[in-house]
N, C-alpha and C. Protein backbone atom coordinates (compact mmCIF):
# COMPACT_ATOMS: atom_id res chain seq x y z
N UNK A 1 23.34 26.97 -56.15
CA UNK A 1 22.02 27.54 -55.91
C UNK A 1 21.74 28.55 -57.00
N UNK A 2 20.53 28.58 -57.48
CA UNK A 2 20.16 29.48 -58.56
C UNK A 2 20.04 30.91 -58.04
N UNK A 3 20.38 31.87 -58.91
CA UNK A 3 20.32 33.27 -58.52
C UNK A 3 18.90 33.66 -58.11
N UNK A 4 17.90 33.13 -58.76
CA UNK A 4 16.53 33.49 -58.41
C UNK A 4 16.20 33.08 -56.98
N UNK A 5 16.81 32.00 -56.50
CA UNK A 5 16.59 31.57 -55.12
C UNK A 5 17.21 32.56 -54.14
N UNK A 6 18.37 33.12 -54.47
CA UNK A 6 19.01 34.07 -53.56
C UNK A 6 18.33 35.43 -53.61
N UNK A 7 17.78 35.82 -54.76
CA UNK A 7 17.11 37.11 -54.83
C UNK A 7 15.79 37.09 -54.07
N UNK A 8 15.21 35.91 -53.87
CA UNK A 8 13.96 35.78 -53.13
C UNK A 8 14.16 35.84 -51.62
N UNK A 9 15.41 35.75 -51.17
CA UNK A 9 15.68 35.78 -49.74
C UNK A 9 15.34 37.16 -49.16
N UNK A 10 14.75 37.14 -47.98
CA UNK A 10 14.46 38.38 -47.25
C UNK A 10 15.47 38.51 -46.11
N UNK A 11 15.68 39.72 -45.58
CA UNK A 11 16.63 39.88 -44.48
C UNK A 11 16.38 38.87 -43.36
N UNK A 12 17.46 38.18 -42.98
CA UNK A 12 17.39 37.17 -41.95
C UNK A 12 17.20 35.75 -42.47
N UNK A 13 16.81 35.61 -43.75
CA UNK A 13 16.62 34.28 -44.34
C UNK A 13 17.95 33.63 -44.66
N UNK A 14 18.03 32.31 -44.47
CA UNK A 14 19.22 31.52 -44.81
C UNK A 14 18.76 30.25 -45.51
N UNK A 15 19.47 29.87 -46.57
CA UNK A 15 19.23 28.60 -47.24
C UNK A 15 20.52 27.81 -47.22
N UNK A 16 20.39 26.50 -47.04
CA UNK A 16 21.55 25.61 -47.01
C UNK A 16 21.48 24.70 -48.22
N UNK A 17 22.57 24.65 -48.97
CA UNK A 17 22.64 23.78 -50.15
C UNK A 17 22.91 22.34 -49.76
N UNK A 18 22.78 21.44 -50.70
CA UNK A 18 22.99 20.01 -50.46
C UNK A 18 24.41 19.71 -49.98
N UNK A 19 25.37 20.52 -50.39
CA UNK A 19 26.77 20.29 -50.00
C UNK A 19 27.17 21.08 -48.76
N UNK A 20 26.21 21.69 -48.07
CA UNK A 20 26.49 22.43 -46.85
C UNK A 20 26.75 23.91 -47.05
N UNK A 21 26.86 24.35 -48.30
CA UNK A 21 27.06 25.77 -48.55
C UNK A 21 25.84 26.53 -48.06
N UNK A 22 26.05 27.76 -47.59
CA UNK A 22 24.96 28.56 -47.04
C UNK A 22 24.86 29.88 -47.78
N UNK A 23 23.62 30.33 -47.96
CA UNK A 23 23.33 31.61 -48.60
C UNK A 23 22.31 32.31 -47.73
N UNK A 24 22.53 33.58 -47.47
CA UNK A 24 21.59 34.29 -46.63
C UNK A 24 21.49 35.75 -47.02
N UNK A 25 20.48 36.41 -46.49
CA UNK A 25 20.30 37.85 -46.67
C UNK A 25 20.50 38.46 -45.29
N UNK A 26 21.51 39.32 -45.15
CA UNK A 26 21.85 39.91 -43.86
C UNK A 26 20.73 40.82 -43.36
N UNK A 27 20.86 41.24 -42.11
CA UNK A 27 19.85 42.14 -41.54
C UNK A 27 19.77 43.45 -42.32
N UNK A 28 20.87 43.83 -42.98
CA UNK A 28 20.89 45.04 -43.79
C UNK A 28 20.52 44.79 -45.25
N UNK A 29 20.15 43.55 -45.59
CA UNK A 29 19.72 43.24 -46.95
C UNK A 29 20.81 42.79 -47.90
N UNK A 30 22.01 42.54 -47.39
CA UNK A 30 23.14 42.12 -48.24
C UNK A 30 23.19 40.61 -48.39
N UNK A 31 23.64 40.12 -49.55
CA UNK A 31 23.78 38.70 -49.79
C UNK A 31 25.07 38.20 -49.14
N UNK A 32 24.94 37.18 -48.29
CA UNK A 32 26.08 36.57 -47.61
C UNK A 32 26.17 35.12 -48.09
N UNK A 33 27.38 34.68 -48.45
CA UNK A 33 27.57 33.33 -48.98
C UNK A 33 28.71 32.62 -48.27
N UNK A 34 28.52 31.36 -47.97
CA UNK A 34 29.57 30.50 -47.46
C UNK A 34 29.72 29.38 -48.49
N UNK A 35 30.87 29.32 -49.13
CA UNK A 35 31.09 28.33 -50.19
C UNK A 35 32.38 27.57 -49.95
N UNK A 36 32.41 26.37 -50.47
CA UNK A 36 33.65 25.60 -50.47
C UNK A 36 34.58 26.19 -51.53
N UNK A 37 35.86 26.22 -51.22
CA UNK A 37 36.83 26.70 -52.19
C UNK A 37 37.06 25.64 -53.25
N UNK A 38 37.30 26.07 -54.46
CA UNK A 38 37.50 25.14 -55.57
C UNK A 38 38.99 24.84 -55.75
N UNK A 39 39.83 25.85 -55.72
CA UNK A 39 41.25 25.68 -56.02
C UNK A 39 42.05 25.08 -54.86
N UNK A 40 41.61 25.29 -53.64
CA UNK A 40 42.32 24.80 -52.47
C UNK A 40 41.31 24.34 -51.43
N UNK A 41 41.72 23.48 -50.50
CA UNK A 41 40.80 23.06 -49.45
C UNK A 41 40.38 24.25 -48.58
N UNK A 42 39.17 24.23 -48.13
CA UNK A 42 38.71 25.27 -47.23
C UNK A 42 37.42 25.91 -47.70
N UNK A 43 37.16 27.08 -47.14
CA UNK A 43 35.89 27.77 -47.36
C UNK A 43 36.14 29.26 -47.54
N UNK A 44 35.22 29.90 -48.24
CA UNK A 44 35.26 31.35 -48.37
C UNK A 44 33.87 31.87 -48.00
N UNK A 45 33.85 32.92 -47.20
CA UNK A 45 32.61 33.56 -46.80
C UNK A 45 32.68 35.00 -47.30
N UNK A 46 31.64 35.42 -48.04
CA UNK A 46 31.65 36.77 -48.61
C UNK A 46 30.31 37.46 -48.38
N UNK A 47 30.35 38.77 -48.45
CA UNK A 47 29.14 39.59 -48.40
C UNK A 47 29.24 40.60 -49.54
N UNK A 48 28.12 40.91 -50.18
CA UNK A 48 28.12 41.83 -51.32
C UNK A 48 28.05 43.28 -50.84
N UNK A 49 29.07 43.68 -50.11
CA UNK A 49 29.12 45.04 -49.57
C UNK A 49 30.58 45.49 -49.53
N UNK A 50 30.77 46.79 -49.44
CA UNK A 50 32.12 47.33 -49.28
C UNK A 50 32.66 46.90 -47.92
N UNK A 51 33.91 46.43 -47.86
CA UNK A 51 34.47 46.03 -46.57
C UNK A 51 34.59 47.21 -45.63
N UNK A 52 34.48 46.93 -44.36
CA UNK A 52 34.68 47.94 -43.32
C UNK A 52 35.86 47.50 -42.48
N UNK A 53 36.55 48.46 -41.89
CA UNK A 53 37.75 48.14 -41.11
C UNK A 53 37.46 47.14 -39.99
N UNK A 54 36.30 47.28 -39.35
CA UNK A 54 35.99 46.42 -38.20
C UNK A 54 35.37 45.08 -38.59
N UNK A 55 34.87 44.97 -39.83
CA UNK A 55 34.25 43.72 -40.29
C UNK A 55 34.66 43.49 -41.74
N UNK A 56 35.47 42.46 -42.02
CA UNK A 56 35.86 42.20 -43.41
C UNK A 56 34.68 41.75 -44.25
N UNK A 57 34.77 41.96 -45.54
CA UNK A 57 33.72 41.51 -46.46
C UNK A 57 34.01 40.13 -47.02
N UNK A 58 35.20 39.57 -46.70
CA UNK A 58 35.56 38.24 -47.16
C UNK A 58 36.43 37.56 -46.11
N UNK A 59 36.14 36.30 -45.85
CA UNK A 59 36.93 35.48 -44.92
C UNK A 59 37.26 34.19 -45.64
N UNK A 60 38.55 33.84 -45.67
CA UNK A 60 39.00 32.58 -46.25
C UNK A 60 39.58 31.76 -45.12
N UNK A 61 39.12 30.52 -44.98
CA UNK A 61 39.55 29.68 -43.87
C UNK A 61 39.53 28.22 -44.28
N UNK A 62 40.28 27.41 -43.56
CA UNK A 62 40.24 25.97 -43.79
C UNK A 62 39.30 25.30 -42.79
N UNK A 63 38.84 26.05 -41.79
CA UNK A 63 38.01 25.47 -40.75
C UNK A 63 36.52 25.72 -40.94
N UNK A 64 35.73 24.65 -40.86
CA UNK A 64 34.28 24.74 -41.00
C UNK A 64 33.67 25.60 -39.89
N UNK A 65 34.13 25.44 -38.66
CA UNK A 65 33.60 26.22 -37.54
C UNK A 65 33.89 27.71 -37.74
N UNK A 66 35.10 28.03 -38.16
CA UNK A 66 35.46 29.43 -38.41
C UNK A 66 34.61 30.01 -39.53
N UNK A 67 34.37 29.24 -40.58
CA UNK A 67 33.54 29.71 -41.69
C UNK A 67 32.12 29.99 -41.24
N UNK A 68 31.55 29.11 -40.44
CA UNK A 68 30.19 29.33 -39.94
C UNK A 68 30.11 30.52 -39.00
N UNK A 69 31.13 30.71 -38.17
CA UNK A 69 31.16 31.88 -37.29
C UNK A 69 31.23 33.16 -38.10
N UNK A 70 32.05 33.17 -39.16
CA UNK A 70 32.15 34.34 -40.04
C UNK A 70 30.83 34.61 -40.74
N UNK A 71 30.16 33.56 -41.21
CA UNK A 71 28.86 33.70 -41.87
C UNK A 71 27.86 34.37 -40.92
N UNK A 72 27.78 33.89 -39.71
CA UNK A 72 26.84 34.45 -38.72
C UNK A 72 27.17 35.91 -38.42
N UNK A 73 28.45 36.22 -38.32
CA UNK A 73 28.85 37.60 -38.04
C UNK A 73 28.47 38.54 -39.19
N UNK A 74 28.74 38.12 -40.43
CA UNK A 74 28.38 38.96 -41.57
C UNK A 74 26.87 39.11 -41.69
N UNK A 75 26.12 38.07 -41.34
CA UNK A 75 24.66 38.16 -41.36
C UNK A 75 24.15 39.22 -40.38
N UNK A 76 24.82 39.34 -39.24
CA UNK A 76 24.40 40.34 -38.23
C UNK A 76 24.91 41.74 -38.54
N UNK A 77 26.15 41.85 -39.00
CA UNK A 77 26.81 43.16 -39.04
C UNK A 77 26.77 43.87 -40.38
N UNK A 78 26.22 43.25 -41.40
CA UNK A 78 26.03 43.94 -42.68
C UNK A 78 24.58 44.04 -42.92
């Protein structure tokens, strides 16, 4: 996805790529991404914010359901 597409996102917006990757703008205005891992099977979910003890800023998982749950959580809590 092009950077211009992610910068146009407003809080609460989510876009889904052709390969299922997701990009969103959290309620706090942070960019949240769910991407397939390149080097190993699985997914990585990240938010462009400093990690907090109660909510990590990055989740690496092999499970699609876990990745989507992490994406939704970061969208709400950052």
